[in-house]
């Protein structure tokens, strides 16, 4: 039986135990700055967006299999983007 989800929030809550487990694993590796939401957003944007008919078990597998390097690069890019946007907002306020 294929499970259907009404929202991304509902799906997120369903895979949250896997996200929590992965986050704890990363913390043991010294990656304290990576949050559950970071793992979710990274996979959602970079892997799952290109996939159709993804099963819950495939998503959980992806969560456990994502590399530290992939997450680290994703988060650093997101931080750089946020910094650029903040700097742009600062410049915009001068006008």
PDB file of N, CA and C in Angstrom:
ATOM      1  N   UNK A   1       0.840  -1.183   0.000  1.00  0.00           N
ATOM      2  CA  UNK A   1       0.000   0.000   0.000  1.00  0.00           C
ATOM      3  C   UNK A   1       0.883   1.243   0.000  1.00  0.00           C
ATOM      4  N   UNK A   2       0.640   2.125  -0.929  1.00  0.00           N
ATOM      5  CA  UNK A   2       1.402   3.360  -1.040  1.00  0.00           C
ATOM      6  C   UNK A   2       0.822   4.405  -0.100  1.00  0.00           C
ATOM      7  N   UNK A   3       1.703   5.006   0.697  1.00  0.00           N
ATOM      8  CA  UNK A   3       1.273   6.014   1.657  1.00  0.00           C
ATOM      9  C   UNK A   3       1.267   7.384   0.988  1.00  0.00           C
ATOM     10  N   UNK A   4       0.196   8.115   1.168  1.00  0.00           N
ATOM     11  CA  UNK A   4       0.053   9.456   0.591  1.00  0.00           C
ATOM     12  C   UNK A   4       0.134  10.480   1.707  1.00  0.00           C
ATOM     13  N   UNK A   5       0.769  11.611   1.409  1.00  0.00           N
ATOM     14  CA  UNK A   5       0.898  12.689   2.383  1.00  0.00           C
ATOM     15  C   UNK A   5       0.213  13.932   1.843  1.00  0.00           C
ATOM     16  N   UNK A   6      -0.488  14.630   2.721  1.00  0.00           N
ATOM     17  CA  UNK A   6      -1.249  15.804   2.311  1.00  0.00           C
ATOM     18  C   UNK A   6      -0.393  17.071   2.240  1.00  0.00           C
ATOM     19  N   UNK A   7       0.762  17.047   2.927  1.00  0.00           N
ATOM     20  CA  UNK A   7       1.608  18.239   2.938  1.00  0.00           C
ATOM     21  C   UNK A   7       3.066  17.849   3.162  1.00  0.00           C
ATOM     22  N   UNK A   8       3.946  18.782   2.844  1.00  0.00           N
ATOM     23  CA  UNK A   8       5.370  18.564   3.120  1.00  0.00           C
ATOM     24  C   UNK A   8       5.606  18.464   4.621  1.00  0.00           C
ATOM     25  N   UNK A   9       4.847  19.212   5.390  1.00  0.00           N
ATOM     26  CA  UNK A   9       4.970  19.173   6.839  1.00  0.00           C
ATOM     27  C   UNK A   9       4.649  17.773   7.375  1.00  0.00           C
ATOM     28  N   UNK A  10       3.617  17.178   6.856  1.00  0.00           N
ATOM     29  CA  UNK A  10       3.233  15.831   7.272  1.00  0.00           C
ATOM     30  C   UNK A  10       4.334  14.823   6.898  1.00  0.00           C
ATOM     31  N   UNK A  11       4.884  14.966   5.709  1.00  0.00           N
ATOM     32  CA  UNK A  11       5.968  14.084   5.267  1.00  0.00           C
ATOM     33  C   UNK A  11       7.210  14.293   6.128  1.00  0.00           C
ATOM     34  N   UNK A  12       7.529  15.554   6.404  1.00  0.00           N
ATOM     35  CA  UNK A  12       8.676  15.874   7.258  1.00  0.00           C
ATOM     36  C   UNK A  12       8.534  15.186   8.613  1.00  0.00           C
ATOM     37  N   UNK A  13       7.359  15.283   9.202  1.00  0.00           N
ATOM     38  CA  UNK A  13       7.130  14.665  10.512  1.00  0.00           C
ATOM     39  C   UNK A  13       7.271  13.147  10.455  1.00  0.00           C
ATOM     40  N   UNK A  14       6.934  12.564   9.330  1.00  0.00           N
ATOM     41  CA  UNK A  14       7.039  11.110   9.173  1.00  0.00           C
ATOM     42  C   UNK A  14       8.510  10.661   9.131  1.00  0.00           C
ATOM     43  N   UNK A  15       9.386  11.454   8.493  1.00  0.00           N
ATOM     44  CA  UNK A  15      10.805  11.076   8.385  1.00  0.00           C
ATOM     45  C   UNK A  15      11.652  11.715   9.487  1.00  0.00           C
ATOM     46  N   UNK A  16      11.034  12.487  10.369  1.00  0.00           N
ATOM     47  CA  UNK A  16      11.761  13.183  11.435  1.00  0.00           C
ATOM     48  C   UNK A  16      12.624  12.252  12.281  1.00  0.00           C
ATOM     49  N   UNK A  17      12.181  11.054  12.642  1.00  0.00           N
ATOM     50  CA  UNK A  17      13.076  10.171  13.418  1.00  0.00           C
ATOM     51  C   UNK A  17      14.387   9.859  12.686  1.00  0.00           C
ATOM     52  N   UNK A  18      14.324   9.693  11.386  1.00  0.00           N
ATOM     53  CA  UNK A  18      15.551   9.450  10.614  1.00  0.00           C
ATOM     54  C   UNK A  18      16.418  10.702  10.599  1.00  0.00           C
ATOM     55  N   UNK A  19      15.799  11.870  10.462  1.00  0.00           N
ATOM     56  CA  UNK A  19      16.545  13.129  10.476  1.00  0.00           C
ATOM     57  C   UNK A  19      17.226  13.343  11.831  1.00  0.00           C
ATOM     58  N   UNK A  20      16.513  13.029  12.897  1.00  0.00           N
ATOM     59  CA  UNK A  20      17.058  13.166  14.249  1.00  0.00           C
ATOM     60  C   UNK A  20      18.252  12.230  14.436  1.00  0.00           C
ATOM     61  N   UNK A  21      18.108  11.008  13.994  1.00  0.00           N
ATOM     62  CA  UNK A  21      19.190  10.027  14.108  1.00  0.00           C
ATOM     63  C   UNK A  21      20.415  10.482  13.332  1.00  0.00           C
ATOM     64  N   UNK A  22      20.212  10.973  12.112  1.00  0.00           N
ATOM     65  CA  UNK A  22      21.328  11.442  11.293  1.00  0.00           C
ATOM     66  C   UNK A  22      21.996  12.651  11.943  1.00  0.00           C
ATOM     67  N   UNK A  23      21.214  13.544  12.509  1.00  0.00           N
ATOM     68  CA  UNK A  23      21.762  14.724  13.174  1.00  0.00           C
ATOM     69  C   UNK A  23      22.644  14.312  14.359  1.00  0.00           C
ATOM     70  N   UNK A  24      22.190  13.329  15.130  1.00  0.00           N
ATOM     71  CA  UNK A  24      22.996  12.833  16.261  1.00  0.00           C
ATOM     72  C   UNK A  24      24.304  12.214  15.762  1.00  0.00           C
ATOM     73  N   UNK A  25      24.228  11.485  14.669  1.00  0.00           N
ATOM     74  CA  UNK A  25      25.429  10.897  14.074  1.00  0.00           C
ATOM     75  C   UNK A  25      26.418  11.990  13.662  1.00  0.00           C
ATOM     76  N   UNK A  26      25.906  13.035  13.049  1.00  0.00           N
ATOM     77  CA  UNK A  26      26.752  14.143  12.611  1.00  0.00           C
ATOM     78  C   UNK A  26      27.376  14.871  13.798  1.00  0.00           C
ATOM     79  N   UNK A  27      26.628  15.024  14.876  1.00  0.00           N
ATOM     80  CA  UNK A  27      27.162  15.678  16.070  1.00  0.00           C
ATOM     81  C   UNK A  27      28.320  14.879  16.658  1.00  0.00           C
ATOM     82  N   UNK A  28      28.213  13.557  16.611  1.00  0.00           N
ATOM     83  CA  UNK A  28      29.307  12.711  17.094  1.00  0.00           C
ATOM     84  C   UNK A  28      30.550  12.875  16.218  1.00  0.00           C
ATOM     85  N   UNK A  29      30.354  13.303  14.974  1.00  0.00           N
ATOM     86  CA  UNK A  29      31.469  13.537  14.057  1.00  0.00           C
ATOM     87  C   UNK A  29      31.970  14.979  14.117  1.00  0.00           C
ATOM     88  N   UNK A  30      31.417  15.770  15.031  1.00  0.00           N
ATOM     89  CA  UNK A  30      31.861  17.147  15.201  1.00  0.00           C
ATOM     90  C   UNK A  30      31.124  18.165  14.346  1.00  0.00           C
ATOM     91  N   UNK A  31      30.061  17.747  13.679  1.00  0.00           N
ATOM     92  CA  UNK A  31      29.295  18.648  12.817  1.00  0.00           C
ATOM     93  C   UNK A  31      28.082  19.169  13.591  1.00  0.00           C
ATOM     94  N   UNK A  32      28.349  19.947  14.635  1.00  0.00           N
ATOM     95  CA  UNK A  32      27.291  20.426  15.527  1.00  0.00           C
ATOM     96  C   UNK A  32      26.356  21.445  14.897  1.00  0.00           C
ATOM     97  N   UNK A  33      26.790  22.078  13.822  1.00  0.00           N
ATOM     98  CA  UNK A  33      26.008  23.157  13.217  1.00  0.00           C
ATOM     99  C   UNK A  33      24.949  22.651  12.229  1.00  0.00           C
ATOM    100  N   UNK A  34      24.953  21.369  11.912  1.00  0.00           N
ATOM    101  CA  UNK A  34      23.975  20.825  10.967  1.00  0.00           C
ATOM    102  C   UNK A  34      22.713  20.431  11.720  1.00  0.00           C
ATOM    103  N   UNK A  35      21.587  20.974  11.267  1.00  0.00           N
ATOM    104  CA  UNK A  35      20.295  20.704  11.900  1.00  0.00           C
ATOM    105  C   UNK A  35      19.462  19.763  11.030  1.00  0.00           C
ATOM    106  N   UNK A  36      18.414  19.239  11.611  1.00  0.00           N
ATOM    107  CA  UNK A  36      17.498  18.350  10.876  1.00  0.00           C
ATOM    108  C   UNK A  36      16.967  19.037   9.626  1.00  0.00           C
ATOM    109  N   UNK A  37      16.633  20.317   9.778  1.00  0.00           N
ATOM    110  CA  UNK A  37      16.078  21.075   8.654  1.00  0.00           C
ATOM    111  C   UNK A  37      17.087  21.213   7.515  1.00  0.00           C
ATOM    112  N   UNK A  38      18.366  21.282   7.861  1.00  0.00           N
ATOM    113  CA  UNK A  38      19.406  21.384   6.838  1.00  0.00           C
ATOM    114  C   UNK A  38      19.456  20.108   5.985  1.00  0.00           C
ATOM    115  N   UNK A  39      19.376  18.977   6.645  1.00  0.00           N
ATOM    116  CA  UNK A  39      19.391  17.699   5.929  1.00  0.00           C
ATOM    117  C   UNK A  39      18.159  17.610   5.033  1.00  0.00           C
ATOM    118  N   UNK A  40      17.011  17.932   5.600  1.00  0.00           N
ATOM    119  CA  UNK A  40      15.747  17.909   4.862  1.00  0.00           C
ATOM    120  C   UNK A  40      15.804  18.815   3.634  1.00  0.00           C
ATOM    121  N   UNK A  41      16.221  20.064   3.841  1.00  0.00           N
ATOM    122  CA  UNK A  41      16.252  21.022   2.737  1.00  0.00           C
ATOM    123  C   UNK A  41      17.260  20.631   1.667  1.00  0.00           C
ATOM    124  N   UNK A  42      18.409  20.136   2.083  1.00  0.00           N
ATOM    125  CA  UNK A  42      19.423  19.708   1.126  1.00  0.00           C
ATOM    126  C   UNK A  42      18.884  18.600   0.226  1.00  0.00           C
ATOM    127  N   UNK A  43      18.328  17.573   0.825  1.00  0.00           N
ATOM    128  CA  UNK A  43      17.795  16.462   0.031  1.00  0.00           C
ATOM    129  C   UNK A  43      16.585  16.898  -0.792  1.00  0.00           C
ATOM    130  N   UNK A  44      15.723  17.705  -0.201  1.00  0.00           N
ATOM    131  CA  UNK A  44      14.519  18.170  -0.894  1.00  0.00           C
ATOM    132  C   UNK A  44      14.884  18.967  -2.144  1.00  0.00           C
ATOM    133  N   UNK A  45      15.874  19.838  -2.018  1.00  0.00           N
ATOM    134  CA  UNK A  45      16.247  20.708  -3.130  1.00  0.00           C
ATOM    135  C   UNK A  45      17.161  20.036  -4.154  1.00  0.00           C
ATOM    136  N   UNK A  46      18.086  19.217  -3.685  1.00  0.00           N
ATOM    137  CA  UNK A  46      19.115  18.699  -4.581  1.00  0.00           C
ATOM    138  C   UNK A  46      18.871  17.279  -5.087  1.00  0.00           C
ATOM    139  N   UNK A  47      18.132  16.491  -4.342  1.00  0.00           N
ATOM    140  CA  UNK A  47      17.938  15.098  -4.763  1.00  0.00           C
ATOM    141  C   UNK A  47      16.480  14.772  -5.063  1.00  0.00           C
ATOM    142  N   UNK A  48      15.619  15.053  -4.125  1.00  0.00           N
ATOM    143  CA  UNK A  48      14.231  14.632  -4.274  1.00  0.00           C
ATOM    144  C   UNK A  48      13.453  15.447  -5.288  1.00  0.00           C
ATOM    145  N   UNK A  49      13.851  16.665  -5.545  1.00  0.00           N
ATOM    146  CA  UNK A  49      13.141  17.507  -6.513  1.00  0.00           C
ATOM    147  C   UNK A  49      13.198  16.913  -7.918  1.00  0.00           C
ATOM    148  N   UNK A  50      14.215  16.123  -8.187  1.00  0.00           N
ATOM    149  CA  UNK A  50      14.404  15.527  -9.517  1.00  0.00           C
ATOM    150  C   UNK A  50      13.824  14.122  -9.610  1.00  0.00           C
ATOM    151  N   UNK A  51      13.162  13.662  -8.548  1.00  0.00           N
ATOM    152  CA  UNK A  51      12.704  12.288  -8.460  1.00  0.00           C
ATOM    153  C   UNK A  51      11.180  12.223  -8.462  1.00  0.00           C
ATOM    154  N   UNK A  52      10.655  11.189  -9.097  1.00  0.00           N
ATOM    155  CA  UNK A  52       9.210  10.956  -9.057  1.00  0.00           C
ATOM    156  C   UNK A  52       8.941   9.608  -8.396  1.00  0.00           C
ATOM    157  N   UNK A  53       7.764   9.487  -7.812  1.00  0.00           N
ATOM    158  CA  UNK A  53       7.323   8.249  -7.167  1.00  0.00           C
ATOM    159  C   UNK A  53       8.296   7.767  -6.096  1.00  0.00           C
ATOM    160  N   UNK A  54       8.816   8.692  -5.331  1.00  0.00           N
ATOM    161  CA  UNK A  54       9.757   8.385  -4.266  1.00  0.00           C
ATOM    162  C   UNK A  54       9.018   7.724  -3.108  1.00  0.00           C
ATOM    163  N   UNK A  55       9.569   6.637  -2.607  1.00  0.00           N
ATOM    164  CA  UNK A  55       8.937   5.946  -1.480  1.00  0.00           C
ATOM    165  C   UNK A  55       9.522   6.458  -0.167  1.00  0.00           C
ATOM    166  N   UNK A  56       8.791   6.229   0.893  1.00  0.00           N
ATOM    167  CA  UNK A  56       9.237   6.623   2.217  1.00  0.00           C
ATOM    168  C   UNK A  56      10.543   5.919   2.574  1.00  0.00           C
ATOM    169  N   UNK A  57      10.658   4.655   2.240  1.00  0.00           N
ATOM    170  CA  UNK A  57      11.890   3.922   2.544  1.00  0.00           C
ATOM    171  C   UNK A  57      13.084   4.476   1.766  1.00  0.00           C
ATOM    172  N   UNK A  58      12.860   4.942   0.541  1.00  0.00           N
ATOM    173  CA  UNK A  58      13.944   5.554  -0.238  1.00  0.00           C
ATOM    174  C   UNK A  58      14.382   6.875   0.397  1.00  0.00           C
ATOM    175  N   UNK A  59      13.419   7.626   0.901  1.00  0.00           N
ATOM    176  CA  UNK A  59      13.740   8.884   1.550  1.00  0.00           C
ATOM    177  C   UNK A  59      14.554   8.647   2.821  1.00  0.00           C
ATOM    178  N   UNK A  60      14.139   7.691   3.619  1.00  0.00           N
ATOM    179  CA  UNK A  60      14.872   7.367   4.844  1.00  0.00           C
ATOM    180  C   UNK A  60      16.278   6.895   4.504  1.00  0.00           C
ATOM    181  N   UNK A  61      16.397   6.084   3.479  1.00  0.00           N
ATOM    182  CA  UNK A  61      17.713   5.618   3.031  1.00  0.00           C
ATOM    183  C   UNK A  61      18.588   6.798   2.605  1.00  0.00           C
ATOM    184  N   UNK A  62      18.014   7.733   1.862  1.00  0.00           N
ATOM    185  CA  UNK A  62      18.756   8.922   1.435  1.00  0.00           C
ATOM    186  C   UNK A  62      19.243   9.731   2.640  1.00  0.00           C
ATOM    187  N   UNK A  63      18.399   9.836   3.658  1.00  0.00           N
ATOM    188  CA  UNK A  63      18.766  10.579   4.862  1.00  0.00           C
ATOM    189  C   UNK A  63      19.977   9.934   5.528  1.00  0.00           C
ATOM    190  N   UNK A  64      19.945   8.617   5.669  1.00  0.00           N
ATOM    191  CA  UNK A  64      21.055   7.925   6.319  1.00  0.00           C
ATOM    192  C   UNK A  64      22.313   7.903   5.453  1.00  0.00           C
ATOM    193  N   UNK A  65      22.143   7.941   4.136  1.00  0.00           N
ATOM    194  CA  UNK A  65      23.285   7.814   3.229  1.00  0.00           C
ATOM    195  C   UNK A  65      23.933   9.131   2.815  1.00  0.00           C
ATOM    196  N   UNK A  66      23.279  10.256   3.079  1.00  0.00           N
ATOM    197  CA  UNK A  66      23.846  11.534   2.622  1.00  0.00           C
ATOM    198  C   UNK A  66      25.218  11.747   3.273  1.00  0.00           C
ATOM    199  N   UNK A  67      26.141  12.217   2.484  1.00  0.00           N
ATOM    200  CA  UNK A  67      27.503  12.377   2.993  1.00  0.00           C
ATOM    201  C   UNK A  67      27.653  13.682   3.767  1.00  0.00           C
ATOM    202  N   UNK A  68      28.575  13.655   4.693  1.00  0.00           N
ATOM    203  CA  UNK A  68      28.891  14.848   5.471  1.00  0.00           C
ATOM    204  C   UNK A  68      29.380  15.951   4.541  1.00  0.00           C
ATOM    205  N   UNK A  69      30.183  15.578   3.555  1.00  0.00           N
ATOM    206  CA  UNK A  69      30.714  16.566   2.617  1.00  0.00           C
ATOM    207  C   UNK A  69      29.601  17.269   1.847  1.00  0.00           C
ATOM    208  N   UNK A  70      28.622  16.500   1.374  1.00  0.00           N
ATOM    209  CA  UNK A  70      27.511  17.088   0.620  1.00  0.00           C
ATOM    210  C   UNK A  70      26.742  18.075   1.496  1.00  0.00           C
ATOM    211  N   UNK A  71      26.479  17.698   2.734  1.00  0.00           N
ATOM    212  CA  UNK A  71      25.770  18.588   3.655  1.00  0.00           C
ATOM    213  C   UNK A  71      26.590  19.830   3.967  1.00  0.00           C
ATOM    214  N   UNK A  72      27.869  19.649   4.204  1.00  0.00           N
ATOM    215  CA  UNK A  72      28.742  20.766   4.531  1.00  0.00           C
ATOM    216  C   UNK A  72      28.771  21.784   3.387  1.00  0.00           C
ATOM    217  N   UNK A  73      28.919  21.307   2.166  1.00  0.00           N
ATOM    218  CA  UNK A  73      28.936  22.199   0.999  1.00  0.00           C
ATOM    219  C   UNK A  73      27.598  22.918   0.851  1.00  0.00           C
ATOM    220  N   UNK A  74      26.499  22.176   0.986  1.00  0.00           N
ATOM    221  CA  UNK A  74      25.163  22.765   0.870  1.00  0.00           C
ATOM    222  C   UNK A  74      24.974  23.877   1.903  1.00  0.00           C
ATOM    223  N   UNK A  75      25.327  23.610   3.147  1.00  0.00           N
ATOM    224  CA  UNK A  75      25.120  24.591   4.212  1.00  0.00           C
ATOM    225  C   UNK A  75      25.999  25.818   4.000  1.00  0.00           C
ATOM    226  N   UNK A  76      27.227  25.618   3.597  1.00  0.00           N
ATOM    227  CA  UNK A  76      28.118  26.759   3.341  1.00  0.00           C
ATOM    228  C   UNK A  76      27.583  27.625   2.195  1.00  0.00           C
ATOM    229  N   UNK A  77      27.032  26.988   1.166  1.00  0.00           N
ATOM    230  CA  UNK A  77      26.436  27.754   0.066  1.00  0.00           C
ATOM    231  C   UNK A  77      25.214  28.533   0.549  1.00  0.00           C
ATOM    232  N   UNK A  78      24.398  27.914   1.384  1.00  0.00           N
ATOM    233  CA  UNK A  78      23.214  28.592   1.918  1.00  0.00           C
ATOM    234  C   UNK A  78      23.618  29.779   2.792  1.00  0.00           C
ATOM    235  N   UNK A  79      24.664  29.604   3.599  1.00  0.00           N
ATOM    236  CA  UNK A  79      25.143  30.685   4.457  1.00  0.00           C
ATOM    237  C   UNK A  79      25.693  31.837   3.615  1.00  0.00           C
ATOM    238  N   UNK A  80      26.420  31.503   2.560  1.00  0.00           N
ATOM    239  CA  UNK A  80      26.964  32.542   1.677  1.00  0.00           C
ATOM    240  C   UNK A  80      25.832  33.302   0.988  1.00  0.00           C
ATOM    241  N   UNK A  81      24.808  32.573   0.552  1.00  0.00           N
ATOM    242  CA  UNK A  81      23.653  33.206  -0.095  1.00  0.00           C
ATOM    243  C   UNK A  81      22.932  34.133   0.883  1.00  0.00           C
ATOM    244  N   UNK A  82      22.757  33.678   2.114  1.00  0.00           N
ATOM    245  CA  UNK A  82      22.090  34.501   3.126  1.00  0.00           C
ATOM    246  C   UNK A  82      22.912  35.757   3.421  1.00  0.00           C
ATOM    247  N   UNK A  83      24.224  35.611   3.455  1.00  0.00           N
ATOM    248  CA  UNK A  83      25.089  36.762   3.711  1.00  0.00           C
ATOM    249  C   UNK A  83      25.010  37.768   2.561  1.00  0.00           C
ATOM    250  N   UNK A  84      25.010  37.267   1.321  1.00  0.00           N
ATOM    251  CA  UNK A  84      24.883  38.158   0.158  1.00  0.00           C
ATOM    252  C   UNK A  84      23.566  38.914   0.217  1.00  0.00           C
ATOM    253  N   UNK A  85      22.488  38.200   0.544  1.00  0.00           N
ATOM    254  CA  UNK A  85      21.173  38.844   0.631  1.00  0.00           C
ATOM    255  C   UNK A  85      21.144  39.895   1.739  1.00  0.00           C
ATOM    256  N   UNK A  86      21.765  39.598   2.866  1.00  0.00           N
ATOM    257  CA  UNK A  86      21.813  40.555   3.970  1.00  0.00           C
ATOM    258  C   UNK A  86      22.618  41.782   3.564  1.00  0.00           C
ATOM    259  N   UNK A  87      23.731  41.565   2.878  1.00  0.00           N
ATOM    260  CA  UNK A  87      24.544  42.695   2.426  1.00  0.00           C
ATOM    261  C   UNK A  87      23.785  43.544   1.423  1.00  0.00           C
ATOM    262  N   UNK A  88      23.035  42.902   0.536  1.00  0.00           N
ATOM    263  CA  UNK A  88      22.233  43.629  -0.440  1.00  0.00           C
ATOM    264  C   UNK A  88      21.180  44.462   0.248  1.00  0.00           C
ATOM    265  N   UNK A  89      20.542  43.878   1.275  1.00  0.00           N
ATOM    266  CA  UNK A  89      19.537  44.629   2.029  1.00  0.00           C
ATOM    267  C   UNK A  89      20.149  45.843   2.701  1.00  0.00           C
ATOM    268  N   UNK A  90      21.381  45.696   3.216  1.00  0.00           N
ATOM    269  CA  UNK A  90      22.071  46.826   3.838  1.00  0.00           C
ATOM    270  C   UNK A  90      22.332  47.931   2.822  1.00  0.00           C
ATOM    271  N   UNK A  91      22.761  47.540   1.644  1.00  0.00           N
ATOM    272  CA  UNK A  91      23.042  48.519   0.584  1.00  0.00           C
ATOM    273  C   UNK A  91      21.742  49.193   0.150  1.00  0.00           C
ATOM    274  N   UNK A  92      20.690  48.412  -0.017  1.00  0.00           N
ATOM    275  CA  UNK A  92      19.401  48.944  -0.439  1.00  0.00           C
ATOM    276  C   UNK A  92      18.884  49.999   0.535  1.00  0.00           C
ATOM    277  N   UNK A  93      19.135  49.792   1.822  1.00  0.00           N
ATOM    278  CA  UNK A  93      18.631  50.735   2.832  1.00  0.00           C
ATOM    279  C   UNK A  93      19.313  52.101   2.747  1.00  0.00           C
ATOM    280  N   UNK A  94      20.422  52.176   2.037  1.00  0.00           N
ATOM    281  CA  UNK A  94      21.121  53.448   1.891  1.00  0.00           C
ATOM    282  C   UNK A  94      20.440  54.377   0.890  1.00  0.00           C
ATOM    283  N   UNK A  95      19.570  53.811   0.069  1.00  0.00           N
ATOM    284  CA  UNK A  95      18.913  54.619  -0.968  1.00  0.00           C
ATOM    285  C   UNK A  95      17.611  55.180  -0.511  1.00  0.00           C
TER     286      UNK A  95
END
